[in-house]
Amino acid sequence: MKDLHMSRLTITLSEPRYRALKEAAAQRNKTIGQLIDESLDFYGIKSREQALIGHSLGQ
């Protein structure tokens, strides 16, 4: 379940890391934001609401 309201975030990356992130997103036909969102899912980082929904469903 994705949030309808999205917040903006500013991060500081080295130029080589930024280029690598941009290239990885392009290779996957995704935006940098989508790639970061998927990475957060992979590491189990959830909003409080997502965690509560998952808990109530027994996940």
C-alpha atoms as a PDB file:
ATOM      1  CA  MET A   1       0.000   0.000   0.000  1.00  0.00           C
ATOM      2  CA  LYS A   2       1.607   3.258  -1.086  1.00  0.00           C
ATOM      3  CA  ASP A   3       0.995   6.608   0.569  1.00  0.00           C
ATOM      4  CA  LEU A   4      -0.952   9.065  -1.549  1.00  0.00           C
ATOM      5  CA  HIS A   5       0.998  11.966  -0.050  1.00  0.00           C
ATOM      6  CA  MET A   6       4.706  11.895  -0.769  1.00  0.00           C
ATOM      7  CA  SER A   7       7.281  13.940   1.117  1.00  0.00           C
ATOM      8  CA  ARG A   8      10.417  15.387  -0.431  1.00  0.00           C
ATOM      9  CA  LEU A   9      13.838  14.583   0.948  1.00  0.00           C
ATOM     10  CA  THR A  10      17.203  16.164   0.322  1.00  0.00           C
ATOM     11  CA  ILE A  11      20.300  14.024   0.826  1.00  0.00           C
ATOM     12  CA  THR A  12      23.966  14.631   0.187  1.00  0.00           C
ATOM     13  CA  LEU A  13      25.829  12.045  -1.890  1.00  0.00           C
ATOM     14  CA  SER A  14      29.251  12.083  -3.420  1.00  0.00           C
ATOM     15  CA  GLU A  15      29.177  12.700  -7.149  1.00  0.00           C
ATOM     16  CA  PRO A  16      30.284   9.110  -7.961  1.00  0.00           C
ATOM     17  CA  ARG A  17      27.600   7.643  -5.677  1.00  0.00           C
ATOM     18  CA  TYR A  18      24.939   9.917  -7.228  1.00  0.00           C
ATOM     19  CA  ARG A  19      25.979   8.879 -10.749  1.00  0.00           C
ATOM     20  CA  ALA A  20      25.884   5.202  -9.727  1.00  0.00           C
ATOM     21  CA  LEU A  21      22.405   5.632  -8.222  1.00  0.00           C
ATOM     22  CA  LYS A  22      21.160   7.486 -11.298  1.00  0.00           C
ATOM     23  CA  GLU A  23      22.597   4.801 -13.591  1.00  0.00           C
ATOM     24  CA  ALA A  24      21.098   1.972 -11.515  1.00  0.00           C
ATOM     25  CA  ALA A  25      17.669   3.612 -11.648  1.00  0.00           C
ATOM     26  CA  ALA A  26      17.920   4.122 -15.420  1.00  0.00           C
ATOM     27  CA  GLN A  27      18.987   0.506 -15.977  1.00  0.00           C
ATOM     28  CA  ARG A  28      15.893  -0.634 -14.086  1.00  0.00           C
ATOM     29  CA  ASN A  29      13.634   1.896 -15.863  1.00  0.00           C
ATOM     30  CA  LYS A  30      12.761   3.465 -12.494  1.00  0.00           C
ATOM     31  CA  THR A  31      13.114   6.838 -10.854  1.00  0.00           C
ATOM     32  CA  ILE A  32      15.664   7.352  -8.102  1.00  0.00           C
ATOM     33  CA  GLY A  33      12.739   7.737  -5.698  1.00  0.00           C
ATOM     34  CA  GLN A  34      11.287   4.386  -6.754  1.00  0.00           C
ATOM     35  CA  LEU A  35      14.668   2.706  -6.334  1.00  0.00           C
ATOM     36  CA  ILE A  36      15.078   4.154  -2.833  1.00  0.00           C
ATOM     37  CA  ASP A  37      11.499   3.182  -1.898  1.00  0.00           C
ATOM     38  CA  GLU A  38      12.139  -0.412  -3.034  1.00  0.00           C
ATOM     39  CA  SER A  39      15.393  -0.459  -1.077  1.00  0.00           C
ATOM     40  CA  LEU A  40      13.576   0.633   2.071  1.00  0.00           C
ATOM     41  CA  ASP A  41      11.037  -2.169   1.540  1.00  0.00           C
ATOM     42  CA  PHE A  42      13.884  -4.656   1.060  1.00  0.00           C
ATOM     43  CA  TYR A  43      15.431  -3.632   4.386  1.00  0.00           C
ATOM     44  CA  GLY A  44      12.061  -3.802   6.155  1.00  0.00           C
ATOM     45  CA  ILE A  45      11.879  -0.072   6.823  1.00  0.00           C
ATOM     46  CA  LYS A  46       8.190   0.781   7.136  1.00  0.00           C
ATOM     47  CA  SER A  47       6.042   3.661   8.245  1.00  0.00           C
ATOM     48  CA  ARG A  48       4.263   3.216  11.540  1.00  0.00           C
ATOM     49  CA  GLU A  49       0.990   2.761   9.649  1.00  0.00           C
ATOM     50  CA  GLN A  50       2.461   0.032   7.407  1.00  0.00           C
ATOM     51  CA  ALA A  51       3.899  -1.759  10.452  1.00  0.00           C
ATOM     52  CA  LEU A  52       0.556  -1.651  12.273  1.00  0.00           C
ATOM     53  CA  ILE A  53      -1.322  -2.937   9.200  1.00  0.00           C
ATOM     54  CA  GLY A  54       1.176  -5.767   8.756  1.00  0.00           C
ATOM     55  CA  HIS A  55       0.960  -6.637  12.458  1.00  0.00           C
ATOM     56  CA  SER A  56      -2.842  -6.729  12.404  1.00  0.00           C
ATOM     57  CA  LEU A  57      -2.727  -9.060   9.360  1.00  0.00           C
ATOM     58  CA  GLY A  58      -0.262 -11.364  11.119  1.00  0.00           C
ATOM     59  CA  GLN A  59       2.684 -10.515   8.831  1.00  0.00           C
END
